[in-house]
Amino acid sequence: MSWQAYIDNLLASQKVDKAAIYSKAADSVWAKSTGFDLSAPELSEIRSGFDNPSGLQAKGLHAQGLKYFLLRADERSIYGKKGAEGLIIVRTKQAILLGHYPEGVQPGEATKIVEQLADYLISVGY
């Protein structure tokens, strides 16, 4: 399966409206939904946040120029919320998976979809 197919499957769930898969080093994009572009500083902030969440706790989580309130940050997952929408970011062995859910979607439903894909990628060595 191509990396883009994983993004397409996330979008098809209708729980995620934007998604991307980056390398674990956050230096290359493997696949993304149209228009879901993160800047190099945003990716660096996310990558660093898995190992040391203090920067995210102090300054918030940023994606596409928007600031999200940090809900959770640990070595596996980072969750952020802005109003009724939010971000789920999960680090696997070789990748960083990002999913954005829009207003009207329950955060838990979107989180389950993104975390399940991360579990699958980890199980197959990614």
N, C-alpha and C. Protein backbone atom coordinates (compact mmCIF):
# COMPACT_ATOMS: atom_id res chain seq x y z
N MET A 1 0.85 -1.18 0.00
CA MET A 1 0.00 0.00 0.00
C MET A 1 0.89 1.24 0.00
N SER A 2 0.51 2.21 -0.79
CA SER A 2 1.27 3.46 -0.82
C SER A 2 0.97 4.28 0.43
N TRP A 3 1.89 5.18 0.76
CA TRP A 3 1.68 6.05 1.92
C TRP A 3 0.43 6.90 1.72
N GLN A 4 0.19 7.34 0.49
CA GLN A 4 -0.98 8.17 0.23
C GLN A 4 -2.28 7.42 0.53
N ALA A 5 -2.28 6.12 0.32
CA ALA A 5 -3.47 5.32 0.61
C ALA A 5 -3.83 5.36 2.10
N TYR A 6 -2.83 5.43 2.96
CA TYR A 6 -3.11 5.55 4.40
C TYR A 6 -3.80 6.88 4.70
N ILE A 7 -3.33 7.94 4.05
CA ILE A 7 -3.97 9.25 4.22
C ILE A 7 -5.40 9.20 3.71
N ASP A 8 -5.58 8.62 2.53
CA ASP A 8 -6.91 8.52 1.94
C ASP A 8 -7.87 7.74 2.85
N ASN A 9 -7.36 6.68 3.49
CA ASN A 9 -8.20 5.90 4.41
C ASN A 9 -8.59 6.72 5.64
N LEU A 10 -7.66 7.52 6.16
CA LEU A 10 -7.99 8.39 7.29
C LEU A 10 -9.09 9.37 6.90
N LEU A 11 -8.96 9.97 5.73
CA LEU A 11 -9.95 10.94 5.26
C LEU A 11 -11.29 10.27 5.01
N ALA A 12 -11.27 9.05 4.50
CA ALA A 12 -12.51 8.31 4.22
C ALA A 12 -13.30 8.00 5.49
N SER A 13 -12.63 7.98 6.63
CA SER A 13 -13.32 7.72 7.90
C SER A 13 -14.31 8.84 8.24
N GLN A 14 -14.10 10.00 7.65
CA GLN A 14 -14.89 11.20 7.91
C GLN A 14 -14.76 11.69 9.36
N LYS A 15 -13.78 11.16 10.06
CA LYS A 15 -13.45 11.63 11.42
C LYS A 15 -12.23 12.55 11.37
N VAL A 16 -11.49 12.48 10.26
CA VAL A 16 -10.29 13.27 10.05
C VAL A 16 -10.47 14.00 8.72
N ASP A 17 -10.22 15.31 8.71
CA ASP A 17 -10.39 16.05 7.45
C ASP A 17 -9.07 16.44 6.79
N LYS A 18 -7.96 16.34 7.54
CA LYS A 18 -6.63 16.61 7.01
C LYS A 18 -5.66 15.65 7.70
N ALA A 19 -4.66 15.18 6.96
CA ALA A 19 -3.71 14.25 7.55
C ALA A 19 -2.39 14.29 6.80
N ALA A 20 -1.34 13.84 7.48
CA ALA A 20 -0.02 13.77 6.86
C ALA A 20 0.81 12.71 7.57
N ILE A 21 1.78 12.18 6.83
CA ILE A 21 2.77 11.28 7.40
C ILE A 21 4.14 11.85 7.04
N TYR A 22 4.94 12.10 8.06
CA TYR A 22 6.30 12.60 7.90
C TYR A 22 7.29 11.56 8.40
N SER A 23 8.52 11.67 8.00
CA SER A 23 9.56 10.82 8.57
C SER A 23 9.68 11.14 10.06
N LYS A 24 10.21 10.21 10.82
CA LYS A 24 10.37 10.42 12.27
C LYS A 24 11.24 11.64 12.56
N ALA A 25 12.20 11.91 11.68
CA ALA A 25 13.07 13.09 11.83
C ALA A 25 12.36 14.37 11.40
N ALA A 26 11.16 14.24 10.86
CA ALA A 26 10.35 15.38 10.39
C ALA A 26 11.06 16.17 9.29
N ASP A 27 11.91 15.47 8.53
CA ASP A 27 12.62 16.16 7.46
C ASP A 27 12.12 15.83 6.06
N SER A 28 11.12 14.93 5.98
CA SER A 28 10.52 14.65 4.68
C SER A 28 9.07 14.22 4.87
N VAL A 29 8.24 14.62 3.91
CA VAL A 29 6.83 14.24 3.93
C VAL A 29 6.67 12.98 3.08
N TRP A 30 6.00 11.98 3.65
CA TRP A 30 5.78 10.74 2.91
C TRP A 30 4.45 10.79 2.17
N ALA A 31 3.46 11.46 2.77
CA ALA A 31 2.15 11.62 2.14
C ALA A 31 1.38 12.66 2.93
N LYS A 32 0.44 13.34 2.26
CA LYS A 32 -0.38 14.33 2.97
C LYS A 32 -1.65 14.60 2.18
N SER A 33 -2.63 15.12 2.87
CA SER A 33 -3.84 15.57 2.20
C SER A 33 -3.58 16.94 1.58
N THR A 34 -4.32 17.26 0.57
CA THR A 34 -4.15 18.52 -0.15
C THR A 34 -4.27 19.70 0.80
N GLY A 35 -3.28 20.59 0.74
CA GLY A 35 -3.32 21.81 1.54
C GLY A 35 -2.92 21.68 2.99
N PHE A 36 -2.54 20.49 3.42
CA PHE A 36 -2.14 20.30 4.82
C PHE A 36 -0.62 20.39 4.90
N ASP A 37 -0.13 21.62 4.91
CA ASP A 37 1.29 21.89 4.89
C ASP A 37 1.73 22.49 6.22
N LEU A 38 2.75 21.91 6.81
CA LEU A 38 3.32 22.45 8.04
C LEU A 38 4.70 23.02 7.73
N SER A 39 5.03 24.10 8.41
CA SER A 39 6.33 24.74 8.20
C SER A 39 7.43 23.93 8.90
N ALA A 40 8.67 24.18 8.49
CA ALA A 40 9.80 23.51 9.13
C ALA A 40 9.87 23.78 10.64
N PRO A 41 9.64 25.04 11.09
CA PRO A 41 9.65 25.27 12.54
C PRO A 41 8.52 24.52 13.27
N GLU A 42 7.35 24.41 12.64
CA GLU A 42 6.24 23.67 13.27
C GLU A 42 6.61 22.20 13.40
N LEU A 43 7.19 21.63 12.35
CA LEU A 43 7.59 20.23 12.39
C LEU A 43 8.69 19.99 13.42
N SER A 44 9.62 20.91 13.51
CA SER A 44 10.69 20.79 14.49
C SER A 44 10.13 20.84 15.92
N GLU A 45 9.17 21.73 16.13
CA GLU A 45 8.52 21.86 17.44
C GLU A 45 7.82 20.55 17.82
N ILE A 46 7.12 19.96 16.84
CA ILE A 46 6.42 18.69 17.09
C ILE A 46 7.41 17.58 17.37
N ARG A 47 8.43 17.44 16.53
CA ARG A 47 9.43 16.39 16.71
C ARG A 47 10.07 16.48 18.08
N SER A 48 10.44 17.67 18.49
CA SER A 48 11.07 17.88 19.79
C SER A 48 10.09 17.62 20.94
N GLY A 49 8.81 17.90 20.71
CA GLY A 49 7.81 17.75 21.75
C GLY A 49 7.60 16.34 22.25
N PHE A 50 7.93 15.35 21.42
CA PHE A 50 7.80 13.96 21.87
C PHE A 50 8.80 13.64 22.98
N ASP A 51 10.01 14.16 22.87
CA ASP A 51 11.04 13.85 23.85
C ASP A 51 11.10 14.85 24.99
N ASN A 52 10.69 16.08 24.72
CA ASN A 52 10.70 17.12 25.74
C ASN A 52 9.50 18.05 25.51
N PRO A 53 8.37 17.76 26.16
CA PRO A 53 7.16 18.53 25.90
C PRO A 53 7.13 19.92 26.54
N SER A 54 8.17 20.32 27.24
CA SER A 54 8.13 21.60 27.95
C SER A 54 7.91 22.78 27.01
N GLY A 55 8.50 22.74 25.82
CA GLY A 55 8.29 23.82 24.85
C GLY A 55 6.83 23.92 24.41
N LEU A 56 6.21 22.76 24.17
CA LEU A 56 4.79 22.75 23.80
C LEU A 56 3.92 23.21 24.96
N GLN A 57 4.30 22.81 26.17
CA GLN A 57 3.52 23.21 27.35
C GLN A 57 3.60 24.72 27.56
N ALA A 58 4.75 25.29 27.27
CA ALA A 58 4.93 26.73 27.49
C ALA A 58 4.35 27.58 26.37
N LYS A 59 4.50 27.13 25.13
CA LYS A 59 4.14 27.97 23.98
C LYS A 59 2.95 27.47 23.19
N GLY A 60 2.46 26.26 23.48
CA GLY A 60 1.36 25.70 22.71
C GLY A 60 1.87 24.92 21.51
N LEU A 61 0.96 24.28 20.83
CA LEU A 61 1.24 23.47 19.66
C LEU A 61 0.83 24.28 18.43
N HIS A 62 1.70 24.32 17.43
CA HIS A 62 1.41 25.12 16.24
C HIS A 62 1.36 24.24 14.99
N ALA A 63 0.37 24.50 14.14
CA ALA A 63 0.23 23.79 12.87
C ALA A 63 -0.51 24.70 11.90
N GLN A 64 0.02 24.84 10.72
CA GLN A 64 -0.54 25.67 9.67
C GLN A 64 -0.78 27.11 10.15
N GLY A 65 0.14 27.59 10.97
CA GLY A 65 0.06 28.96 11.45
C GLY A 65 -0.94 29.19 12.57
N LEU A 66 -1.58 28.13 13.05
CA LEU A 66 -2.56 28.25 14.13
C LEU A 66 -1.99 27.66 15.41
N LYS A 67 -2.40 28.25 16.53
CA LYS A 67 -1.95 27.78 17.84
C LYS A 67 -3.05 26.90 18.45
N TYR A 68 -2.65 25.72 18.87
CA TYR A 68 -3.55 24.77 19.52
C TYR A 68 -3.19 24.67 20.99
N PHE A 69 -4.19 24.52 21.82
CA PHE A 69 -3.99 24.29 23.24
C PHE A 69 -3.51 22.86 23.41
N LEU A 70 -2.43 22.66 24.11
CA LEU A 70 -1.86 21.33 24.30
C LEU A 70 -2.67 20.56 25.33
N LEU A 71 -3.17 19.39 24.93
CA LEU A 71 -3.93 18.53 25.84
C LEU A 71 -3.07 17.41 26.40
N ARG A 72 -2.15 16.91 25.57
CA ARG A 72 -1.31 15.78 25.98
C ARG A 72 -0.03 15.81 25.16
N ALA A 73 1.06 15.47 25.79
CA ALA A 73 2.33 15.32 25.08
C ALA A 73 3.18 14.31 25.84
N ASP A 74 3.48 13.20 25.19
CA ASP A 74 4.39 12.20 25.76
C ASP A 74 5.22 11.61 24.63
N GLU A 75 5.95 10.54 24.91
CA GLU A 75 6.86 9.99 23.91
C GLU A 75 6.15 9.36 22.73
N ARG A 76 4.86 9.12 22.83
CA ARG A 76 4.10 8.52 21.72
C ARG A 76 3.14 9.49 21.05
N SER A 77 2.38 10.25 21.83
CA SER A 77 1.27 11.03 21.28
C SER A 77 1.28 12.48 21.75
N ILE A 78 0.84 13.34 20.85
CA ILE A 78 0.63 14.76 21.16
C ILE A 78 -0.77 15.11 20.68
N TYR A 79 -1.57 15.69 21.57
CA TYR A 79 -2.93 16.09 21.21
C TYR A 79 -3.07 17.59 21.45
N GLY A 80 -3.72 18.25 20.52
CA GLY A 80 -3.98 19.68 20.66
C GLY A 80 -5.40 20.00 20.26
N LYS A 81 -5.92 21.11 20.80
CA LYS A 81 -7.30 21.51 20.54
C LYS A 81 -7.35 23.01 20.30
N LYS A 82 -8.16 23.41 19.33
CA LYS A 82 -8.41 24.82 19.06
C LYS A 82 -9.91 24.94 18.82
N GLY A 83 -10.60 25.47 19.81
CA GLY A 83 -12.06 25.52 19.71
C GLY A 83 -12.62 24.11 19.66
N ALA A 84 -13.42 23.82 18.62
CA ALA A 84 -14.04 22.51 18.49
C ALA A 84 -13.26 21.58 17.56
N GLU A 85 -12.09 22.01 17.10
CA GLU A 85 -11.28 21.15 16.24
C GLU A 85 -9.98 20.82 16.94
N GLY A 86 -9.24 19.86 16.38
CA GLY A 86 -8.02 19.49 17.05
C GLY A 86 -7.07 18.67 16.21
N LEU A 87 -5.93 18.36 16.80
CA LEU A 87 -4.86 17.59 16.17
C LEU A 87 -4.53 16.38 17.02
N ILE A 88 -4.29 15.27 16.32
CA ILE A 88 -3.76 14.07 16.95
C ILE A 88 -2.46 13.77 16.22
N ILE A 89 -1.37 13.68 16.95
CA ILE A 89 -0.06 13.43 16.35
C ILE A 89 0.54 12.24 17.08
N VAL A 90 0.94 11.23 16.31
CA VAL A 90 1.49 10.01 16.92
C VAL A 90 2.81 9.68 16.26
N ARG A 91 3.80 9.36 17.08
CA ARG A 91 5.11 8.95 16.57
C ARG A 91 5.18 7.43 16.58
N THR A 92 5.59 6.87 15.45
CA THR A 92 5.81 5.43 15.34
C THR A 92 7.32 5.19 15.31
N LYS A 93 7.73 3.98 14.95
CA LYS A 93 9.16 3.67 14.90
C LYS A 93 9.89 4.51 13.86
N GLN A 94 9.23 4.82 12.73
CA GLN A 94 9.91 5.52 11.65
C GLN A 94 9.16 6.75 11.13
N ALA A 95 8.00 7.04 11.70
CA ALA A 95 7.17 8.10 11.13
C ALA A 95 6.49 8.94 12.20
N ILE A 96 6.00 10.09 11.75
CA ILE A 96 5.12 10.93 12.57
C ILE A 96 3.83 11.06 11.79
N LEU A 97 2.75 10.65 12.40
CA LEU A 97 1.43 10.64 11.78
C LEU A 97 0.61 11.78 12.38
N LEU A 98 0.04 12.63 11.52
CA LEU A 98 -0.77 13.76 11.98
C LEU A 98 -2.18 13.65 11.42
N GLY A 99 -3.15 13.86 12.27
CA GLY A 99 -4.54 13.90 11.84
C GLY A 99 -5.23 15.10 12.45
N HIS A 100 -6.00 15.81 11.65
CA HIS A 100 -6.78 16.97 12.11
C HIS A 100 -8.25 16.61 12.04
N TYR A 101 -8.99 16.89 13.11
CA TYR A 101 -10.43 16.66 13.07
C TYR A 101 -11.15 18.01 13.11
N PRO A 102 -12.23 18.10 12.34
CA PRO A 102 -12.96 19.36 12.26
C PRO A 102 -14.03 19.48 13.34
N GLU A 103 -14.62 20.65 13.42
CA GLU A 103 -15.78 20.87 14.29
C GLU A 103 -16.86 19.86 13.92
N GLY A 104 -17.52 19.32 14.93
CA GLY A 104 -18.59 18.36 14.70
C GLY A 104 -18.16 16.91 14.86
N VAL A 105 -16.88 16.67 14.93
CA VAL A 105 -16.36 15.32 15.15
C VAL A 105 -15.95 15.20 16.61
N GLN A 106 -16.35 14.10 17.23
CA GLN A 106 -15.96 13.86 18.61
C GLN A 106 -14.45 13.56 18.66
N PRO A 107 -13.71 14.25 19.52
CA PRO A 107 -12.26 14.04 19.58
C PRO A 107 -11.87 12.57 19.77
N GLY A 108 -12.60 11.86 20.59
CA GLY A 108 -12.29 10.45 20.84
C GLY A 108 -12.41 9.58 19.60
N GLU A 109 -13.37 9.90 18.73
CA GLU A 109 -13.54 9.13 17.50
C GLU A 109 -12.35 9.34 16.57
N ALA A 110 -11.92 10.58 16.42
CA ALA A 110 -10.77 10.88 15.57
C ALA A 110 -9.49 10.29 16.16
N THR A 111 -9.34 10.40 17.46
CA THR A 111 -8.16 9.86 18.13
C THR A 111 -8.06 8.36 17.90
N LYS A 112 -9.16 7.66 18.03
CA LYS A 112 -9.17 6.20 17.84
C LYS A 112 -8.68 5.83 16.44
N ILE A 113 -9.15 6.53 15.43
CA ILE A 113 -8.78 6.24 14.04
C ILE A 113 -7.28 6.45 13.82
N VAL A 114 -6.75 7.59 14.28
CA VAL A 114 -5.34 7.90 14.07
C VAL A 114 -4.46 6.96 14.90
N GLU A 115 -4.81 6.71 16.14
CA GLU A 115 -4.02 5.83 16.99
C GLU A 115 -4.02 4.39 16.45
N GLN A 116 -5.14 3.94 15.88
CA GLN A 116 -5.19 2.59 15.31
C GLN A 116 -4.25 2.47 14.11
N LEU A 117 -4.21 3.49 13.27
CA LEU A 117 -3.28 3.46 12.15
C LEU A 117 -1.84 3.44 12.66
N ALA A 118 -1.55 4.23 13.69
CA ALA A 118 -0.21 4.23 14.27
C ALA A 118 0.14 2.84 14.82
N ASP A 119 -0.80 2.21 15.50
CA ASP A 119 -0.56 0.86 16.02
C ASP A 119 -0.24 -0.12 14.89
N TYR A 120 -0.99 0.00 13.78
CA TYR A 120 -0.74 -0.87 12.64
C TYR A 120 0.66 -0.63 12.07
N LEU A 121 1.01 0.64 11.87
CA LEU A 121 2.34 0.95 11.31
C LEU A 121 3.45 0.42 12.21
N ILE A 122 3.28 0.56 13.52
CA ILE A 122 4.27 0.04 14.46
C ILE A 122 4.36 -1.49 14.33
N SER A 123 3.21 -2.15 14.18
CA SER A 123 3.19 -3.62 14.11
C SER A 123 3.90 -4.16 12.87
N VAL A 124 3.97 -3.34 11.80
CA VAL A 124 4.65 -3.79 10.58
C VAL A 124 6.04 -3.16 10.44
N GLY A 125 6.55 -2.59 11.53
CA GLY A 125 7.92 -2.11 11.55
C GLY A 125 8.11 -0.64 11.19
N TYR A 126 7.03 0.07 10.99
CA TYR A 126 7.14 1.50 10.71
C TYR A 126 6.72 2.31 11.92
